[in-house]
Amino acid sequence: VQLQASGGGSVQPGGSLRLSCAASGSFVRVHTMRWYRQAPGKQRELVASITSSDDATVKGRFTISRDNAKNTVYLQMNRLQPEDTAVYSCNADIRSNWGRATALYWGQGTLVTVSS
């Protein structure tokens, strides 16, 4: 099982980015998916989470969504500010097969830089 994050980049303040994180490999169900970020010199923090039934929790002005058919979670980031600069990472609770407990998987980080 792998999680692949993408969509980071450099934008000016007020700009937008959409991050994606796709799960691939052999599994039967992707449960809760989450986005974290870690800014330089700061601890990692939870940005948003979404369950397999689309119950979402978001911290701040971003929007989280998912496409269960594609096993992908998205983070739409609008009105970005310099303080949003961070490495954004995703994780997910994934069940490899029925009868087994879920396991937590992490994707690699993607860098978001907001600067004028």
N, C-alpha and C. Protein backbone atom coordinates (compact mmCIF):
# COMPACT_ATOMS: atom_id res chain seq x y z
N VAL A 1 0.85 -1.18 0.00
CA VAL A 1 0.00 0.00 0.00
C VAL A 1 0.88 1.24 0.00
N GLN A 2 0.52 2.19 -0.85
CA GLN A 2 1.26 3.45 -0.91
C GLN A 2 0.30 4.61 -0.99
N LEU A 3 0.74 5.73 -0.44
CA LEU A 3 0.03 6.99 -0.59
C LEU A 3 0.96 7.94 -1.34
N GLN A 4 0.44 8.54 -2.38
CA GLN A 4 1.23 9.45 -3.21
C GLN A 4 0.59 10.82 -3.20
N ALA A 5 1.31 11.77 -2.62
CA ALA A 5 0.82 13.15 -2.55
C ALA A 5 1.40 13.97 -3.69
N SER A 6 0.62 14.92 -4.17
CA SER A 6 1.08 15.79 -5.24
C SER A 6 0.32 17.11 -5.18
N GLY A 7 0.80 18.08 -5.95
CA GLY A 7 0.08 19.34 -6.09
C GLY A 7 0.72 20.52 -5.40
N GLY A 8 1.81 20.32 -4.68
CA GLY A 8 2.46 21.44 -4.03
C GLY A 8 3.15 22.35 -5.03
N GLY A 9 3.60 23.48 -4.55
CA GLY A 9 4.28 24.42 -5.41
C GLY A 9 4.42 25.76 -4.76
N SER A 10 4.78 26.76 -5.56
CA SER A 10 4.95 28.11 -5.06
C SER A 10 3.85 29.00 -5.61
N VAL A 11 3.23 29.76 -4.73
CA VAL A 11 2.18 30.69 -5.14
C VAL A 11 2.35 32.00 -4.40
N GLN A 12 1.73 33.03 -4.94
CA GLN A 12 1.73 34.32 -4.28
C GLN A 12 0.60 34.37 -3.25
N PRO A 13 0.72 35.23 -2.26
CA PRO A 13 -0.37 35.39 -1.29
C PRO A 13 -1.69 35.66 -1.99
N GLY A 14 -2.73 35.00 -1.53
CA GLY A 14 -4.04 35.12 -2.15
C GLY A 14 -4.31 34.06 -3.20
N GLY A 15 -3.29 33.31 -3.56
CA GLY A 15 -3.44 32.28 -4.58
C GLY A 15 -4.05 31.00 -4.04
N SER A 16 -4.18 30.04 -4.94
CA SER A 16 -4.81 28.77 -4.58
C SER A 16 -3.96 27.60 -5.08
N LEU A 17 -4.11 26.50 -4.37
CA LEU A 17 -3.51 25.23 -4.79
C LEU A 17 -4.46 24.11 -4.40
N ARG A 18 -4.40 23.03 -5.13
CA ARG A 18 -5.14 21.84 -4.74
C ARG A 18 -4.17 20.68 -4.63
N LEU A 19 -4.11 20.11 -3.44
CA LEU A 19 -3.27 18.95 -3.20
C LEU A 19 -4.09 17.68 -3.39
N SER A 20 -3.41 16.65 -3.85
CA SER A 20 -4.05 15.34 -4.01
C SER A 20 -3.21 14.30 -3.30
N CYS A 21 -3.87 13.26 -2.82
CA CYS A 21 -3.17 12.14 -2.19
C CYS A 21 -3.94 10.88 -2.56
N ALA A 22 -3.28 10.01 -3.31
CA ALA A 22 -3.94 8.81 -3.82
C ALA A 22 -3.36 7.56 -3.18
N ALA A 23 -4.24 6.67 -2.78
CA ALA A 23 -3.84 5.39 -2.23
C ALA A 23 -3.80 4.36 -3.35
N SER A 24 -2.77 3.54 -3.34
CA SER A 24 -2.66 2.49 -4.34
C SER A 24 -2.11 1.22 -3.69
N GLY A 25 -2.30 0.12 -4.39
CA GLY A 25 -1.82 -1.16 -3.85
C GLY A 25 -2.98 -2.09 -3.58
N SER A 26 -2.76 -3.06 -2.72
CA SER A 26 -3.77 -4.07 -2.42
C SER A 26 -4.43 -3.78 -1.08
N PHE A 27 -5.70 -3.45 -1.12
CA PHE A 27 -6.45 -3.19 0.10
C PHE A 27 -7.93 -3.29 -0.22
N VAL A 28 -8.74 -3.36 0.84
CA VAL A 28 -10.18 -3.49 0.64
C VAL A 28 -10.95 -2.22 0.99
N ARG A 29 -10.34 -1.37 1.82
CA ARG A 29 -11.08 -0.17 2.20
C ARG A 29 -10.10 0.88 2.71
N VAL A 30 -10.34 2.11 2.26
CA VAL A 30 -9.62 3.26 2.79
C VAL A 30 -10.58 4.01 3.71
N HIS A 31 -10.25 4.08 4.95
CA HIS A 31 -11.14 4.72 5.92
C HIS A 31 -10.79 6.21 6.01
N THR A 32 -10.56 6.72 7.17
CA THR A 32 -10.30 8.14 7.32
C THR A 32 -9.00 8.54 6.64
N MET A 33 -9.06 9.66 5.93
CA MET A 33 -7.88 10.24 5.27
C MET A 33 -7.65 11.61 5.87
N ARG A 34 -6.39 11.99 5.99
CA ARG A 34 -6.05 13.23 6.68
C ARG A 34 -4.92 13.98 5.98
N TRP A 35 -4.92 15.27 6.18
CA TRP A 35 -3.81 16.13 5.76
C TRP A 35 -3.18 16.76 7.00
N TYR A 36 -1.86 16.74 7.02
CA TYR A 36 -1.08 17.41 8.05
C TYR A 36 -0.15 18.40 7.37
N ARG A 37 0.36 19.30 8.15
CA ARG A 37 1.41 20.18 7.64
C ARG A 37 2.42 20.46 8.73
N GLN A 38 3.63 20.72 8.29
CA GLN A 38 4.69 21.09 9.22
C GLN A 38 5.45 22.27 8.63
N ALA A 39 5.31 23.39 9.30
CA ALA A 39 6.01 24.60 8.89
C ALA A 39 7.43 24.57 9.47
N PRO A 40 8.34 25.34 8.86
CA PRO A 40 9.72 25.37 9.35
C PRO A 40 9.78 25.74 10.82
N GLY A 41 10.45 24.92 11.60
CA GLY A 41 10.63 25.21 13.01
C GLY A 41 9.43 24.95 13.88
N LYS A 42 8.39 24.37 13.31
CA LYS A 42 7.16 24.12 14.08
C LYS A 42 6.83 22.63 14.08
N GLN A 43 5.94 22.29 14.99
CA GLN A 43 5.49 20.90 15.05
C GLN A 43 4.46 20.62 13.96
N ARG A 44 4.38 19.38 13.59
CA ARG A 44 3.37 18.98 12.62
C ARG A 44 1.98 19.15 13.22
N GLU A 45 1.05 19.63 12.39
CA GLU A 45 -0.32 19.82 12.88
C GLU A 45 -1.32 19.24 11.89
N LEU A 46 -2.44 18.80 12.43
CA LEU A 46 -3.51 18.28 11.61
C LEU A 46 -4.26 19.44 10.96
N VAL A 47 -4.45 19.35 9.66
CA VAL A 47 -5.14 20.40 8.91
C VAL A 47 -6.59 20.03 8.65
N ALA A 48 -6.81 18.78 8.24
CA ALA A 48 -8.16 18.36 7.89
C ALA A 48 -8.22 16.85 7.86
N SER A 49 -9.42 16.33 8.07
CA SER A 49 -9.64 14.90 7.96
C SER A 49 -11.01 14.64 7.36
N ILE A 50 -11.17 13.48 6.76
CA ILE A 50 -12.45 13.13 6.17
C ILE A 50 -12.63 11.61 6.24
N THR A 51 -13.81 11.19 6.68
CA THR A 51 -14.09 9.76 6.79
C THR A 51 -14.54 9.21 5.44
N SER A 52 -14.71 7.92 5.38
CA SER A 52 -15.15 7.28 4.15
C SER A 52 -16.60 7.63 3.82
N SER A 53 -17.34 8.15 4.80
CA SER A 53 -18.70 8.60 4.54
C SER A 53 -18.78 10.12 4.43
N ASP A 54 -17.63 10.75 4.18
CA ASP A 54 -17.54 12.18 3.89
C ASP A 54 -17.80 13.09 5.07
N ASP A 55 -17.66 12.61 6.28
CA ASP A 55 -17.68 13.50 7.42
C ASP A 55 -16.32 14.18 7.51
N ALA A 56 -16.35 15.49 7.35
CA ALA A 56 -15.10 16.23 7.25
C ALA A 56 -14.90 17.16 8.45
N THR A 57 -13.65 17.29 8.83
CA THR A 57 -13.25 18.25 9.85
C THR A 57 -12.10 19.04 9.27
N VAL A 58 -12.23 20.37 9.30
CA VAL A 58 -11.22 21.23 8.70
C VAL A 58 -10.81 22.30 9.70
N LYS A 59 -9.54 22.56 9.75
CA LYS A 59 -9.01 23.61 10.60
C LYS A 59 -8.64 24.78 9.70
N GLY A 60 -9.40 25.83 9.78
CA GLY A 60 -9.08 27.00 8.97
C GLY A 60 -9.94 27.11 7.73
N ARG A 61 -9.34 27.71 6.67
CA ARG A 61 -10.13 28.09 5.50
C ARG A 61 -9.96 27.15 4.31
N PHE A 62 -9.45 25.94 4.54
CA PHE A 62 -9.28 24.99 3.45
C PHE A 62 -10.50 24.09 3.33
N THR A 63 -10.57 23.36 2.25
CA THR A 63 -11.66 22.41 2.01
C THR A 63 -11.07 21.05 1.70
N ILE A 64 -11.57 20.03 2.38
CA ILE A 64 -11.14 18.66 2.12
C ILE A 64 -12.27 17.91 1.46
N SER A 65 -11.91 17.06 0.51
CA SER A 65 -12.89 16.21 -0.16
C SER A 65 -12.21 14.92 -0.57
N ARG A 66 -12.98 13.96 -1.01
CA ARG A 66 -12.39 12.70 -1.44
C ARG A 66 -13.22 12.09 -2.56
N ASP A 67 -12.54 11.26 -3.34
CA ASP A 67 -13.19 10.49 -4.39
C ASP A 67 -12.93 9.03 -4.05
N ASN A 68 -13.93 8.37 -3.52
CA ASN A 68 -13.74 6.99 -3.07
C ASN A 68 -13.46 6.04 -4.22
N ALA A 69 -13.97 6.34 -5.39
CA ALA A 69 -13.71 5.49 -6.55
C ALA A 69 -12.23 5.53 -6.94
N LYS A 70 -11.58 6.65 -6.65
CA LYS A 70 -10.17 6.81 -6.97
C LYS A 70 -9.28 6.68 -5.75
N ASN A 71 -9.89 6.44 -4.59
CA ASN A 71 -9.13 6.34 -3.33
C ASN A 71 -8.21 7.54 -3.15
N THR A 72 -8.75 8.69 -3.41
CA THR A 72 -7.97 9.93 -3.40
C THR A 72 -8.64 10.97 -2.52
N VAL A 73 -7.81 11.67 -1.77
CA VAL A 73 -8.27 12.79 -0.96
C VAL A 73 -7.65 14.07 -1.51
N TYR A 74 -8.42 15.15 -1.44
CA TYR A 74 -7.98 16.44 -1.97
C TYR A 74 -8.00 17.49 -0.86
N LEU A 75 -7.12 18.45 -0.98
CA LEU A 75 -7.14 19.59 -0.09
C LEU A 75 -7.11 20.84 -0.96
N GLN A 76 -8.24 21.52 -1.01
CA GLN A 76 -8.33 22.76 -1.76
C GLN A 76 -7.94 23.91 -0.85
N MET A 77 -6.92 24.62 -1.23
CA MET A 77 -6.40 25.71 -0.41
C MET A 77 -6.55 27.02 -1.17
N ASN A 78 -7.43 27.86 -0.65
CA ASN A 78 -7.68 29.17 -1.26
C ASN A 78 -7.17 30.27 -0.35
N ARG A 79 -6.98 31.43 -0.94
CA ARG A 79 -6.54 32.62 -0.19
C ARG A 79 -5.31 32.28 0.66
N LEU A 80 -4.36 31.64 0.03
CA LEU A 80 -3.16 31.23 0.75
C LEU A 80 -2.37 32.43 1.26
N GLN A 81 -1.79 32.23 2.43
CA GLN A 81 -1.00 33.27 3.08
C GLN A 81 0.39 32.73 3.39
N PRO A 82 1.36 33.61 3.60
CA PRO A 82 2.72 33.13 3.89
C PRO A 82 2.78 32.14 5.06
N GLU A 83 1.90 32.30 6.02
CA GLU A 83 1.92 31.39 7.17
C GLU A 83 1.43 29.99 6.81
N ASP A 84 0.91 29.81 5.60
CA ASP A 84 0.52 28.48 5.14
C ASP A 84 1.70 27.71 4.54
N THR A 85 2.84 28.38 4.43
CA THR A 85 4.03 27.71 3.92
C THR A 85 4.41 26.55 4.83
N ALA A 86 4.52 25.37 4.24
CA ALA A 86 4.79 24.17 5.02
C ALA A 86 4.95 22.98 4.09
N VAL A 87 5.41 21.89 4.65
CA VAL A 87 5.35 20.60 3.96
C VAL A 87 4.03 19.95 4.36
N TYR A 88 3.23 19.62 3.37
CA TYR A 88 1.93 19.01 3.60
C TYR A 88 2.03 17.51 3.33
N SER A 89 1.54 16.74 4.28
CA SER A 89 1.59 15.28 4.17
C SER A 89 0.21 14.70 4.39
N CYS A 90 -0.02 13.54 3.80
CA CYS A 90 -1.30 12.88 3.99
C CYS A 90 -1.09 11.55 4.71
N ASN A 91 -2.11 11.11 5.40
CA ASN A 91 -2.12 9.74 5.90
C ASN A 91 -3.52 9.17 5.80
N ALA A 92 -3.62 7.88 5.97
CA ALA A 92 -4.92 7.23 5.85
C ALA A 92 -4.93 5.93 6.65
N ASP A 93 -6.10 5.63 7.19
CA ASP A 93 -6.33 4.34 7.83
C ASP A 93 -6.82 3.39 6.75
N ILE A 94 -6.03 2.35 6.48
CA ILE A 94 -6.33 1.46 5.36
C ILE A 94 -6.41 0.02 5.85
N ARG A 95 -7.46 -0.66 5.39
CA ARG A 95 -7.65 -2.07 5.73
C ARG A 95 -7.17 -2.91 4.56
N SER A 96 -6.19 -3.75 4.82
CA SER A 96 -5.60 -4.52 3.72
C SER A 96 -6.51 -5.67 3.29
N ASN A 97 -7.20 -6.27 4.24
CA ASN A 97 -8.20 -7.27 3.88
C ASN A 97 -9.18 -7.42 5.03
N TRP A 98 -10.36 -7.96 4.69
CA TRP A 98 -11.40 -8.11 5.72
C TRP A 98 -10.89 -9.09 6.79
N GLY A 99 -11.17 -8.74 8.03
CA GLY A 99 -10.72 -9.58 9.14
C GLY A 99 -9.46 -9.07 9.79
N ARG A 100 -8.85 -8.06 9.16
CA ARG A 100 -7.66 -7.46 9.75
C ARG A 100 -7.98 -6.03 10.19
N ALA A 101 -7.27 -5.60 11.19
CA ALA A 101 -7.43 -4.22 11.65
C ALA A 101 -6.84 -3.26 10.61
N THR A 102 -7.27 -2.03 10.67
CA THR A 102 -6.69 -1.03 9.77
C THR A 102 -5.28 -0.69 10.22
N ALA A 103 -4.51 -0.19 9.28
CA ALA A 103 -3.16 0.28 9.57
C ALA A 103 -3.03 1.70 9.05
N LEU A 104 -2.17 2.46 9.67
CA LEU A 104 -1.96 3.85 9.28
C LEU A 104 -0.81 3.93 8.29
N TYR A 105 -1.09 4.55 7.16
CA TYR A 105 -0.07 4.74 6.13
C TYR A 105 0.13 6.24 5.90
N TRP A 106 1.38 6.59 5.59
CA TRP A 106 1.73 7.98 5.32
C TRP A 106 2.22 8.12 3.88
N GLY A 107 1.85 9.24 3.29
CA GLY A 107 2.43 9.58 2.01
C GLY A 107 3.64 10.49 2.23
N GLN A 108 4.38 10.74 1.16
CA GLN A 108 5.52 11.66 1.28
C GLN A 108 4.98 13.08 1.31
N GLY A 109 5.73 14.00 1.79
CA GLY A 109 5.27 15.38 1.86
C GLY A 109 5.39 16.09 0.52
N THR A 110 4.58 17.13 0.41
CA THR A 110 4.67 18.00 -0.75
C THR A 110 4.78 19.43 -0.24
N LEU A 111 5.73 20.18 -0.77
CA LEU A 111 6.04 21.51 -0.24
C LEU A 111 5.14 22.57 -0.85
N VAL A 112 4.56 23.37 0.01
CA VAL A 112 3.77 24.53 -0.40
C VAL A 112 4.49 25.77 0.10
N THR A 113 4.81 26.66 -0.82
CA THR A 113 5.49 27.91 -0.48
C THR A 113 4.63 29.08 -0.93
N VAL A 114 4.31 29.95 0.01
CA VAL A 114 3.49 31.12 -0.28
C VAL A 114 4.36 32.35 -0.04
N SER A 115 4.67 33.04 -1.11
CA SER A 115 5.58 34.17 -0.99
C SER A 115 5.36 35.13 -2.15
N SER A 116 5.56 36.40 -1.86
CA SER A 116 5.47 37.40 -2.92
C SER A 116 6.83 37.67 -3.52
